[in-house]
Amino acid sequence: MDKIVVIGDADTVLGFRLAGVTEARTVTTPQEAEEAVATAVAATDSGIMIVTQEVMSTLSQKTQKQLQSLAKPAVIEVPGKKAVAAGGESIAVLIKKVMGVELK
């Protein structure tokens, strides 16, 4: 069974872990982001990779282009902590949209 992988800030990763995603990695530097993405892409059991906008913006152009051309894992970019704090949607709403799971 393919896994869902989440890469982002600590709060976003925690939100997805609470929703049941077990493959989640908190990154704080561009180097950590590049490594986490490379690991997820290389894994044969990664079906969906959820990456926050902030993390995506720190990736090299080469990595961003590679992610756009992948068939598997499917890459979904979601707003992270900063966007939510600025009046964006809550983690619970994002989880429901992306995964179809409602947190109560």
PDB file of N, CA and C in Angstrom:
ATOM      1  N   MET A   1       0.839  -1.180   0.000  1.00  0.00           N
ATOM      2  CA  MET A   1       0.000   0.000   0.000  1.00  0.00           C
ATOM      3  C   MET A   1       0.884   1.242   0.000  1.00  0.00           C
ATOM      4  N   ASP A   2       0.558   2.191  -0.843  1.00  0.00           N
ATOM      5  CA  ASP A   2       1.340   3.419  -0.925  1.00  0.00           C
ATOM      6  C   ASP A   2       1.097   4.302   0.291  1.00  0.00           C
ATOM      7  N   LYS A   3       2.147   5.031   0.665  1.00  0.00           N
ATOM      8  CA  LYS A   3       2.102   5.887   1.845  1.00  0.00           C
ATOM      9  C   LYS A   3       1.894   7.343   1.462  1.00  0.00           C
ATOM     10  N   ILE A   4       1.352   8.087   2.410  1.00  0.00           N
ATOM     11  CA  ILE A   4       1.281   9.544   2.310  1.00  0.00           C
ATOM     12  C   ILE A   4       2.454  10.088   3.091  1.00  0.00           C
ATOM     13  N   VAL A   5       3.229  10.968   2.474  1.00  0.00           N
ATOM     14  CA  VAL A   5       4.392  11.573   3.101  1.00  0.00           C
ATOM     15  C   VAL A   5       4.134  13.068   3.219  1.00  0.00           C
ATOM     16  N   VAL A   6       4.363  13.625   4.406  1.00  0.00           N
ATOM     17  CA  VAL A   6       4.179  15.059   4.630  1.00  0.00           C
ATOM     18  C   VAL A   6       5.529  15.671   4.977  1.00  0.00           C
ATOM     19  N   ILE A   7       5.849  16.796   4.333  1.00  0.00           N
ATOM     20  CA  ILE A   7       7.088  17.517   4.599  1.00  0.00           C
ATOM     21  C   ILE A   7       6.720  18.974   4.844  1.00  0.00           C
ATOM     22  N   GLY A   8       7.087  19.474   6.029  1.00  0.00           N
ATOM     23  CA  GLY A   8       6.732  20.861   6.330  1.00  0.00           C
ATOM     24  C   GLY A   8       7.210  21.307   7.688  1.00  0.00           C
ATOM     25  N   ASP A   9       6.608  22.398   8.160  1.00  0.00           N
ATOM     26  CA  ASP A   9       6.935  22.939   9.477  1.00  0.00           C
ATOM     27  C   ASP A   9       6.341  22.048  10.569  1.00  0.00           C
ATOM     28  N   ALA A  10       6.783  22.265  11.792  1.00  0.00           N
ATOM     29  CA  ALA A  10       6.397  21.394  12.908  1.00  0.00           C
ATOM     30  C   ALA A  10       4.888  21.344  13.125  1.00  0.00           C
ATOM     31  N   ASP A  11       4.216  22.482  13.034  1.00  0.00           N
ATOM     32  CA  ASP A  11       2.775  22.499  13.291  1.00  0.00           C
ATOM     33  C   ASP A  11       1.984  21.779  12.200  1.00  0.00           C
ATOM     34  N   THR A  12       2.372  21.979  10.956  1.00  0.00           N
ATOM     35  CA  THR A  12       1.692  21.302   9.858  1.00  0.00           C
ATOM     36  C   THR A  12       1.903  19.798   9.941  1.00  0.00           C
ATOM     37  N   VAL A  13       3.139  19.400  10.197  1.00  0.00           N
ATOM     38  CA  VAL A  13       3.444  17.973  10.332  1.00  0.00           C
ATOM     39  C   VAL A  13       2.643  17.374  11.487  1.00  0.00           C
ATOM     40  N   LEU A  14       2.581  18.067  12.608  1.00  0.00           N
ATOM     41  CA  LEU A  14       1.811  17.577  13.757  1.00  0.00           C
ATOM     42  C   LEU A  14       0.338  17.401  13.396  1.00  0.00           C
ATOM     43  N   GLY A  15      -0.216  18.359  12.673  1.00  0.00           N
ATOM     44  CA  GLY A  15      -1.620  18.256  12.262  1.00  0.00           C
ATOM     45  C   GLY A  15      -1.885  17.022  11.427  1.00  0.00           C
ATOM     46  N   PHE A  16      -1.002  16.737  10.499  1.00  0.00           N
ATOM     47  CA  PHE A  16      -1.180  15.545   9.667  1.00  0.00           C
ATOM     48  C   PHE A  16      -0.921  14.271  10.455  1.00  0.00           C
ATOM     49  N   ARG A  17      -0.001  14.315  11.400  1.00  0.00           N
ATOM     50  CA  ARG A  17       0.218  13.133  12.252  1.00  0.00           C
ATOM     51  C   ARG A  17      -1.029  12.840  13.083  1.00  0.00           C
ATOM     52  N   LEU A  18      -1.668  13.891  13.584  1.00  0.00           N
ATOM     53  CA  LEU A  18      -2.901  13.699  14.350  1.00  0.00           C
ATOM     54  C   LEU A  18      -4.005  13.099  13.487  1.00  0.00           C
ATOM     55  N   ALA A  19      -3.929  13.352  12.188  1.00  0.00           N
ATOM     56  CA  ALA A  19      -4.914  12.794  11.258  1.00  0.00           C
ATOM     57  C   ALA A  19      -4.571  11.370  10.845  1.00  0.00           C
ATOM     58  N   GLY A  20      -3.405  10.868  11.298  1.00  0.00           N
ATOM     59  CA  GLY A  20      -3.062   9.487  11.024  1.00  0.00           C
ATOM     60  C   GLY A  20      -1.923   9.271  10.043  1.00  0.00           C
ATOM     61  N   VAL A  21      -1.325  10.343   9.536  1.00  0.00           N
ATOM     62  CA  VAL A  21      -0.193  10.190   8.625  1.00  0.00           C
ATOM     63  C   VAL A  21       1.050   9.857   9.449  1.00  0.00           C
ATOM     64  N   THR A  22       1.672   8.730   9.142  1.00  0.00           N
ATOM     65  CA  THR A  22       2.831   8.311   9.931  1.00  0.00           C
ATOM     66  C   THR A  22       4.153   8.727   9.306  1.00  0.00           C
ATOM     67  N   GLU A  23       4.165   8.943   8.003  1.00  0.00           N
ATOM     68  CA  GLU A  23       5.389   9.351   7.320  1.00  0.00           C
ATOM     69  C   GLU A  23       5.393  10.871   7.204  1.00  0.00           C
ATOM     70  N   ALA A  24       5.931  11.541   8.190  1.00  0.00           N
ATOM     71  CA  ALA A  24       5.952  12.997   8.193  1.00  0.00           C
ATOM     72  C   ALA A  24       7.305  13.483   8.694  1.00  0.00           C
ATOM     73  N   ARG A  25       7.823  14.517   8.036  1.00  0.00           N
ATOM     74  CA  ARG A  25       9.140  15.018   8.406  1.00  0.00           C
ATOM     75  C   ARG A  25       9.105  16.527   8.555  1.00  0.00           C
ATOM     76  N   THR A  26       9.531  16.987   9.725  1.00  0.00           N
ATOM     77  CA  THR A  26       9.659  18.415   9.980  1.00  0.00           C
ATOM     78  C   THR A  26      11.005  18.880   9.438  1.00  0.00           C
ATOM     79  N   VAL A  27      10.973  19.950   8.644  1.00  0.00           N
ATOM     80  CA  VAL A  27      12.213  20.503   8.101  1.00  0.00           C
ATOM     81  C   VAL A  27      12.301  21.977   8.479  1.00  0.00           C
ATOM     82  N   THR A  28      13.531  22.428   8.733  1.00  0.00           N
ATOM     83  CA  THR A  28      13.737  23.823   9.119  1.00  0.00           C
ATOM     84  C   THR A  28      14.730  24.548   8.227  1.00  0.00           C
ATOM     85  N   THR A  29      15.450  23.807   7.388  1.00  0.00           N
ATOM     86  CA  THR A  29      16.430  24.423   6.499  1.00  0.00           C
ATOM     87  C   THR A  29      16.207  23.934   5.070  1.00  0.00           C
ATOM     88  N   PRO A  30      16.681  24.699   4.089  1.00  0.00           N
ATOM     89  CA  PRO A  30      16.568  24.228   2.705  1.00  0.00           C
ATOM     90  C   PRO A  30      17.260  22.885   2.483  1.00  0.00           C
ATOM     91  N   GLN A  31      18.381  22.653   3.142  1.00  0.00           N
ATOM     92  CA  GLN A  31      19.093  21.382   2.987  1.00  0.00           C
ATOM     93  C   GLN A  31      18.240  20.220   3.507  1.00  0.00           C
ATOM     94  N   GLU A  32      17.612  20.390   4.668  1.00  0.00           N
ATOM     95  CA  GLU A  32      16.730  19.351   5.204  1.00  0.00           C
ATOM     96  C   GLU A  32      15.559  19.101   4.258  1.00  0.00           C
ATOM     97  N   ALA A  33      15.028  20.176   3.670  1.00  0.00           N
ATOM     98  CA  ALA A  33      13.913  20.041   2.733  1.00  0.00           C
ATOM     99  C   ALA A  33      14.329  19.240   1.506  1.00  0.00           C
ATOM    100  N   GLU A  34      15.488  19.562   0.944  1.00  0.00           N
ATOM    101  CA  GLU A  34      15.988  18.825  -0.224  1.00  0.00           C
ATOM    102  C   GLU A  34      16.171  17.343   0.105  1.00  0.00           C
ATOM    103  N   GLU A  35      16.741  17.056   1.278  1.00  0.00           N
ATOM    104  CA  GLU A  35      16.965  15.664   1.682  1.00  0.00           C
ATOM    105  C   GLU A  35      15.655  14.918   1.887  1.00  0.00           C
ATOM    106  N   ALA A  36      14.690  15.570   2.535  1.00  0.00           N
ATOM    107  CA  ALA A  36      13.397  14.924   2.788  1.00  0.00           C
ATOM    108  C   ALA A  36      12.665  14.630   1.488  1.00  0.00           C
ATOM    109  N   VAL A  37      12.700  15.561   0.559  1.00  0.00           N
ATOM    110  CA  VAL A  37      12.046  15.357  -0.730  1.00  0.00           C
ATOM    111  C   VAL A  37      12.744  14.236  -1.507  1.00  0.00           C
ATOM    112  N   ALA A  38      14.067  14.254  -1.528  1.00  0.00           N
ATOM    113  CA  ALA A  38      14.814  13.208  -2.237  1.00  0.00           C
ATOM    114  C   ALA A  38      14.502  11.829  -1.668  1.00  0.00           C
ATOM    115  N   THR A  39      14.411  11.724  -0.356  1.00  0.00           N
ATOM    116  CA  THR A  39      14.084  10.453   0.286  1.00  0.00           C
ATOM    117  C   THR A  39      12.690   9.983  -0.105  1.00  0.00           C
ATOM    118  N   ALA A  40      11.724  10.906  -0.091  1.00  0.00           N
ATOM    119  CA  ALA A  40      10.353  10.544  -0.441  1.00  0.00           C
ATOM    120  C   ALA A  40      10.234  10.125  -1.901  1.00  0.00           C
ATOM    121  N   VAL A  41      10.937  10.828  -2.778  1.00  0.00           N
ATOM    122  CA  VAL A  41      10.897  10.495  -4.205  1.00  0.00           C
ATOM    123  C   VAL A  41      11.536   9.127  -4.456  1.00  0.00           C
ATOM    124  N   ALA A  42      12.611   8.837  -3.751  1.00  0.00           N
ATOM    125  CA  ALA A  42      13.330   7.576  -3.940  1.00  0.00           C
ATOM    126  C   ALA A  42      12.571   6.364  -3.385  1.00  0.00           C
ATOM    127  N   ALA A  43      11.722   6.590  -2.404  1.00  0.00           N
ATOM    128  CA  ALA A  43      10.976   5.488  -1.794  1.00  0.00           C
ATOM    129  C   ALA A  43       9.938   4.955  -2.783  1.00  0.00           C
ATOM    130  N   THR A  44       9.925   3.667  -2.963  1.00  0.00           N
ATOM    131  CA  THR A  44       8.997   3.066  -3.927  1.00  0.00           C
ATOM    132  C   THR A  44       7.565   2.999  -3.402  1.00  0.00           C
ATOM    133  N   ASP A  45       7.384   3.202  -2.095  1.00  0.00           N
ATOM    134  CA  ASP A  45       6.041   3.102  -1.524  1.00  0.00           C
ATOM    135  C   ASP A  45       5.407   4.462  -1.223  1.00  0.00           C
ATOM    136  N   SER A  46       5.994   5.554  -1.719  1.00  0.00           N
ATOM    137  CA  SER A  46       5.412   6.891  -1.542  1.00  0.00           C
ATOM    138  C   SER A  46       4.386   7.118  -2.640  1.00  0.00           C
ATOM    139  N   GLY A  47       3.122   7.274  -2.258  1.00  0.00           N
ATOM    140  CA  GLY A  47       2.062   7.494  -3.234  1.00  0.00           C
ATOM    141  C   GLY A  47       1.678   8.945  -3.367  1.00  0.00           C
ATOM    142  N   ILE A  48       1.648   9.658  -2.227  1.00  0.00           N
ATOM    143  CA  ILE A  48       1.298  11.072  -2.202  1.00  0.00           C
ATOM    144  C   ILE A  48       2.315  11.789  -1.333  1.00  0.00           C
ATOM    145  N   MET A  49       2.824  12.912  -1.826  1.00  0.00           N
ATOM    146  CA  MET A  49       3.734  13.733  -1.034  1.00  0.00           C
ATOM    147  C   MET A  49       3.076  15.099  -0.846  1.00  0.00           C
ATOM    148  N   ILE A  50       2.824  15.446   0.402  1.00  0.00           N
ATOM    149  CA  ILE A  50       2.241  16.736   0.741  1.00  0.00           C
ATOM    150  C   ILE A  50       3.376  17.624   1.239  1.00  0.00           C
ATOM    151  N   VAL A  51       3.553  18.778   0.585  1.00  0.00           N
ATOM    152  CA  VAL A  51       4.643  19.695   0.908  1.00  0.00           C
ATOM    153  C   VAL A  51       4.042  21.073   1.150  1.00  0.00           C
ATOM    154  N   THR A  52       4.476  21.748   2.222  1.00  0.00           N
ATOM    155  CA  THR A  52       3.970  23.092   2.475  1.00  0.00           C
ATOM    156  C   THR A  52       4.555  24.074   1.464  1.00  0.00           C
ATOM    157  N   GLN A  53       3.850  25.163   1.238  1.00  0.00           N
ATOM    158  CA  GLN A  53       4.304  26.192   0.302  1.00  0.00           C
ATOM    159  C   GLN A  53       5.656  26.755   0.717  1.00  0.00           C
ATOM    160  N   GLU A  54       5.846  26.936   2.015  1.00  0.00           N
ATOM    161  CA  GLU A  54       7.104  27.490   2.504  1.00  0.00           C
ATOM    162  C   GLU A  54       8.274  26.560   2.169  1.00  0.00           C
ATOM    163  N   VAL A  55       8.082  25.272   2.374  1.00  0.00           N
ATOM    164  CA  VAL A  55       9.135  24.302   2.058  1.00  0.00           C
ATOM    165  C   VAL A  55       9.367  24.276   0.549  1.00  0.00           C
ATOM    166  N   MET A  56       8.295  24.252  -0.223  1.00  0.00           N
ATOM    167  CA  MET A  56       8.426  24.210  -1.678  1.00  0.00           C
ATOM    168  C   MET A  56       9.245  25.404  -2.180  1.00  0.00           C
ATOM    169  N   SER A  57       9.050  26.563  -1.574  1.00  0.00           N
ATOM    170  CA  SER A  57       9.774  27.759  -2.033  1.00  0.00           C
ATOM    171  C   SER A  57      11.269  27.704  -1.712  1.00  0.00           C
ATOM    172  N   THR A  58      11.672  26.842  -0.771  1.00  0.00           N
ATOM    173  CA  THR A  58      13.097  26.739  -0.437  1.00  0.00           C
ATOM    174  C   THR A  58      13.828  25.712  -1.295  1.00  0.00           C
ATOM    175  N   LEU A  59      13.086  24.911  -2.043  1.00  0.00           N
ATOM    176  CA  LEU A  59      13.701  23.881  -2.883  1.00  0.00           C
ATOM    177  C   LEU A  59      14.364  24.514  -4.103  1.00  0.00           C
ATOM    178  N   SER A  60      15.398  23.877  -4.590  1.00  0.00           N
ATOM    179  CA  SER A  60      16.077  24.364  -5.789  1.00  0.00           C
ATOM    180  C   SER A  60      15.131  24.285  -6.983  1.00  0.00           C
ATOM    181  N   GLN A  61      15.411  25.085  -7.995  1.00  0.00           N
ATOM    182  CA  GLN A  61      14.599  25.054  -9.220  1.00  0.00           C
ATOM    183  C   GLN A  61      14.592  23.664  -9.843  1.00  0.00           C
ATOM    184  N   LYS A  62      15.740  23.002  -9.790  1.00  0.00           N
ATOM    185  CA  LYS A  62      15.853  21.653 -10.355  1.00  0.00           C
ATOM    186  C   LYS A  62      14.905  20.687  -9.646  1.00  0.00           C
ATOM    187  N   THR A  63      14.878  20.750  -8.315  1.00  0.00           N
ATOM    188  CA  THR A  63      13.997  19.869  -7.544  1.00  0.00           C
ATOM    189  C   THR A  63      12.538  20.205  -7.796  1.00  0.00           C
ATOM    190  N   GLN A  64      12.206  21.503  -7.855  1.00  0.00           N
ATOM    191  CA  GLN A  64      10.822  21.900  -8.121  1.00  0.00           C
ATOM    192  C   GLN A  64      10.351  21.387  -9.478  1.00  0.00           C
ATOM    193  N   LYS A  65      11.198  21.485 -10.496  1.00  0.00           N
ATOM    194  CA  LYS A  65      10.835  20.983 -11.828  1.00  0.00           C
ATOM    195  C   LYS A  65      10.669  19.466 -11.808  1.00  0.00           C
ATOM    196  N   GLN A  66      11.555  18.787 -11.064  1.00  0.00           N
ATOM    197  CA  GLN A  66      11.451  17.334 -10.958  1.00  0.00           C
ATOM    198  C   GLN A  66      10.107  16.951 -10.336  1.00  0.00           C
ATOM    199  N   LEU A  67       9.695  17.650  -9.290  1.00  0.00           N
ATOM    200  CA  LEU A  67       8.431  17.339  -8.618  1.00  0.00           C
ATOM    201  C   LEU A  67       7.235  17.578  -9.536  1.00  0.00           C
ATOM    202  N   GLN A  68       7.324  18.584 -10.385  1.00  0.00           N
ATOM    203  CA  GLN A  68       6.225  18.881 -11.305  1.00  0.00           C
ATOM    204  C   GLN A  68       6.051  17.793 -12.360  1.00  0.00           C
ATOM    205  N   SER A  69       7.124  17.081 -12.664  1.00  0.00           N
ATOM    206  CA  SER A  69       7.055  16.079 -13.726  1.00  0.00           C
ATOM    207  C   SER A  69       6.812  14.658 -13.216  1.00  0.00           C
ATOM    208  N   LEU A  70       6.743  14.492 -11.902  1.00  0.00           N
ATOM    209  CA  LEU A  70       6.560  13.150 -11.346  1.00  0.00           C
ATOM    210  C   LEU A  70       5.141  12.639 -11.513  1.00  0.00           C
ATOM    211  N   ALA A  71       5.027  11.366 -11.836  1.00  0.00           N
ATOM    212  CA  ALA A  71       3.727  10.713 -11.816  1.00  0.00           C
ATOM    213  C   ALA A  71       3.480  10.121 -10.423  1.00  0.00           C
ATOM    214  N   LYS A  72       4.554   9.663  -9.794  1.00  0.00           N
ATOM    215  CA  LYS A  72       4.444   9.079  -8.464  1.00  0.00           C
ATOM    216  C   LYS A  72       5.716   9.401  -7.702  1.00  0.00           C
ATOM    217  N   PRO A  73       5.623   9.935  -6.537  1.00  0.00           N
ATOM    218  CA  PRO A  73       4.397  10.255  -5.820  1.00  0.00           C
ATOM    219  C   PRO A  73       3.722  11.504  -6.389  1.00  0.00           C
ATOM    220  N   ALA A  74       2.405  11.550  -6.241  1.00  0.00           N
ATOM    221  CA  ALA A  74       1.668  12.761  -6.596  1.00  0.00           C
ATOM    222  C   ALA A  74       2.033  13.822  -5.558  1.00  0.00           C
ATOM    223  N   VAL A  75       2.363  15.013  -6.015  1.00  0.00           N
ATOM    224  CA  VAL A  75       2.809  16.075  -5.115  1.00  0.00           C
ATOM    225  C   VAL A  75       1.686  17.080  -4.935  1.00  0.00           C
ATOM    226  N   ILE A  76       1.341  17.327  -3.658  1.00  0.00           N
ATOM    227  CA  ILE A  76       0.300  18.288  -3.317  1.00  0.00           C
ATOM    228  C   ILE A  76       0.941  19.370  -2.459  1.00  0.00           C
ATOM    229  N   GLU A  77       0.806  20.617  -2.902  1.00  0.00           N
ATOM    230  CA  GLU A  77       1.356  21.747  -2.155  1.00  0.00           C
ATOM    231  C   GLU A  77       0.221  22.365  -1.336  1.00  0.00           C
ATOM    232  N   VAL A  78       0.448  22.516  -0.029  1.00  0.00           N
ATOM    233  CA  VAL A  78      -0.568  23.078   0.862  1.00  0.00           C
ATOM    234  C   VAL A  78       0.005  24.269   1.620  1.00  0.00           C
ATOM    235  N   PRO A  79      -0.862  25.195   2.035  1.00  0.00           N
ATOM    236  CA  PRO A  79      -0.377  26.296   2.868  1.00  0.00           C
ATOM    237  C   PRO A  79       0.142  25.749   4.190  1.00  0.00           C
ATOM    238  N   GLY A  80       1.167  26.350   4.715  1.00  0.00           N
ATOM    239  CA  GLY A  80       1.732  25.930   5.995  1.00  0.00           C
ATOM    240  C   GLY A  80       1.318  26.856   7.114  1.00  0.00           C
ATOM    241  N   LYS A  81       2.064  26.817   8.187  1.00  0.00           N
ATOM    242  CA  LYS A  81       1.777  27.575   9.397  1.00  0.00           C
ATOM    243  C   LYS A  81       1.645  29.072   9.127  1.00  0.00           C
ATOM    244  N   LYS A  82       2.557  29.635   8.351  1.00  0.00           N
ATOM    245  CA  LYS A  82       2.529  31.079   8.102  1.00  0.00           C
ATOM    246  C   LYS A  82       1.265  31.501   7.371  1.00  0.00           C
ATOM    247  N   ALA A  83       0.859  30.744   6.380  1.00  0.00           N
ATOM    248  CA  ALA A  83      -0.338  31.081   5.620  1.00  0.00           C
ATOM    249  C   ALA A  83      -1.595  30.941   6.471  1.00  0.00           C
ATOM    250  N   VAL A  84      -1.630  29.930   7.305  1.00  0.00           N
ATOM    251  CA  VAL A  84      -2.784  29.722   8.182  1.00  0.00           C
ATOM    252  C   VAL A  84      -2.852  30.844   9.216  1.00  0.00           C
ATOM    253  N   ALA A  85      -1.699  31.225   9.773  1.00  0.00           N
ATOM    254  CA  ALA A  85      -1.654  32.302  10.766  1.00  0.00           C
ATOM    255  C   ALA A  85      -2.068  33.635  10.158  1.00  0.00           C
ATOM    256  N   ALA A  86      -1.848  33.806   8.861  1.00  0.00           N
ATOM    257  CA  ALA A  86      -2.180  35.056   8.184  1.00  0.00           C
ATOM    258  C   ALA A  86      -3.651  35.102   7.766  1.00  0.00           C
ATOM    259  N   GLY A  87      -4.451  34.173   8.252  1.00  0.00           N
ATOM    260  CA  GLY A  87      -5.873  34.186   7.943  1.00  0.00           C
ATOM    261  C   GLY A  87      -6.290  33.129   6.948  1.00  0.00           C
ATOM    262  N   GLY A  88      -5.403  32.220   6.645  1.00  0.00           N
ATOM    263  CA  GLY A  88      -5.731  31.116   5.738  1.00  0.00           C
ATOM    264  C   GLY A  88      -6.577  30.082   6.453  1.00  0.00           C
ATOM    265  N   GLU A  89      -6.764  28.971   5.793  1.00  0.00           N
ATOM    266  CA  GLU A  89      -7.585  27.912   6.370  1.00  0.00           C
ATOM    267  C   GLU A  89      -6.845  27.175   7.472  1.00  0.00           C
ATOM    268  N   SER A  90      -7.610  26.616   8.392  1.00  0.00           N
ATOM    269  CA  SER A  90      -7.018  25.874   9.496  1.00  0.00           C
ATOM    270  C   SER A  90      -6.489  24.529   9.021  1.00  0.00           C
ATOM    271  N   ILE A  91      -5.632  23.934   9.834  1.00  0.00           N
ATOM    272  CA  ILE A  91      -5.090  22.613   9.518  1.00  0.00           C
ATOM    273  C   ILE A  91      -6.225  21.602   9.365  1.00  0.00           C
ATOM    274  N   ALA A  92      -7.234  21.679  10.218  1.00  0.00           N
ATOM    275  CA  ALA A  92      -8.353  20.731  10.149  1.00  0.00           C
ATOM    276  C   ALA A  92      -9.066  20.821   8.804  1.00  0.00           C
ATOM    277  N   VAL A  93      -9.283  22.036   8.306  1.00  0.00           N
ATOM    278  CA  VAL A  93      -9.948  22.220   7.016  1.00  0.00           C
ATOM    279  C   VAL A  93      -9.061  21.693   5.893  1.00  0.00           C
ATOM    280  N   LEU A  94      -7.757  21.963   5.973  1.00  0.00           N
ATOM    281  CA  LEU A  94      -6.838  21.473   4.944  1.00  0.00           C
ATOM    282  C   LEU A  94      -6.791  19.954   4.915  1.00  0.00           C
ATOM    283  N   ILE A  95      -6.762  19.342   6.093  1.00  0.00           N
ATOM    284  CA  ILE A  95      -6.745  17.882   6.153  1.00  0.00           C
ATOM    285  C   ILE A  95      -8.004  17.311   5.518  1.00  0.00           C
ATOM    286  N   LYS A  96      -9.137  17.910   5.800  1.00  0.00           N
ATOM    287  CA  LYS A  96     -10.382  17.416   5.220  1.00  0.00           C
ATOM    288  C   LYS A  96     -10.356  17.543   3.707  1.00  0.00           C
ATOM    289  N   LYS A  97      -9.838  18.666   3.186  1.00  0.00           N
ATOM    290  CA  LYS A  97      -9.772  18.860   1.741  1.00  0.00           C
ATOM    291  C   LYS A  97      -8.806  17.872   1.082  1.00  0.00           C
ATOM    292  N   VAL A  98      -7.658  17.716   1.673  1.00  0.00           N
ATOM    293  CA  VAL A  98      -6.612  16.899   1.058  1.00  0.00           C
ATOM    294  C   VAL A  98      -6.854  15.411   1.256  1.00  0.00           C
ATOM    295  N   MET A  99      -7.245  15.033   2.475  1.00  0.00           N
ATOM    296  CA  MET A  99      -7.329  13.615   2.802  1.00  0.00           C
ATOM    297  C   MET A  99      -8.755  13.098   2.965  1.00  0.00           C
ATOM    298  N   GLY A 100      -9.719  13.995   3.104  1.00  0.00           N
ATOM    299  CA  GLY A 100     -11.079  13.558   3.305  1.00  0.00           C
ATOM    300  C   GLY A 100     -11.365  13.104   4.718  1.00  0.00           C
ATOM    301  N   VAL A 101     -10.536  13.521   5.675  1.00  0.00           N
ATOM    302  CA  VAL A 101     -10.699  13.142   7.080  1.00  0.00           C
ATOM    303  C   VAL A 101     -11.037  14.386   7.877  1.00  0.00           C
ATOM    304  N   GLU A 102     -12.125  14.332   8.635  1.00  0.00           N
ATOM    305  CA  GLU A 102     -12.541  15.478   9.430  1.00  0.00           C
ATOM    306  C   GLU A 102     -12.083  15.305  10.876  1.00  0.00           C
ATOM    307  N   LEU A 103     -11.376  16.316  11.401  1.00  0.00           N
ATOM    308  CA  LEU A 103     -10.948  16.302  12.803  1.00  0.00           C
ATOM    309  C   LEU A 103     -12.014  16.969  13.656  1.00  0.00           C
ATOM    310  N   LYS A 104     -12.306  16.369  14.798  1.00  0.00           N
ATOM    311  CA  LYS A 104     -13.300  16.954  15.716  1.00  0.00           C
ATOM    312  C   LYS A 104     -12.690  17.186  17.054  1.00  0.00           C
TER     313      LYS A 104
END
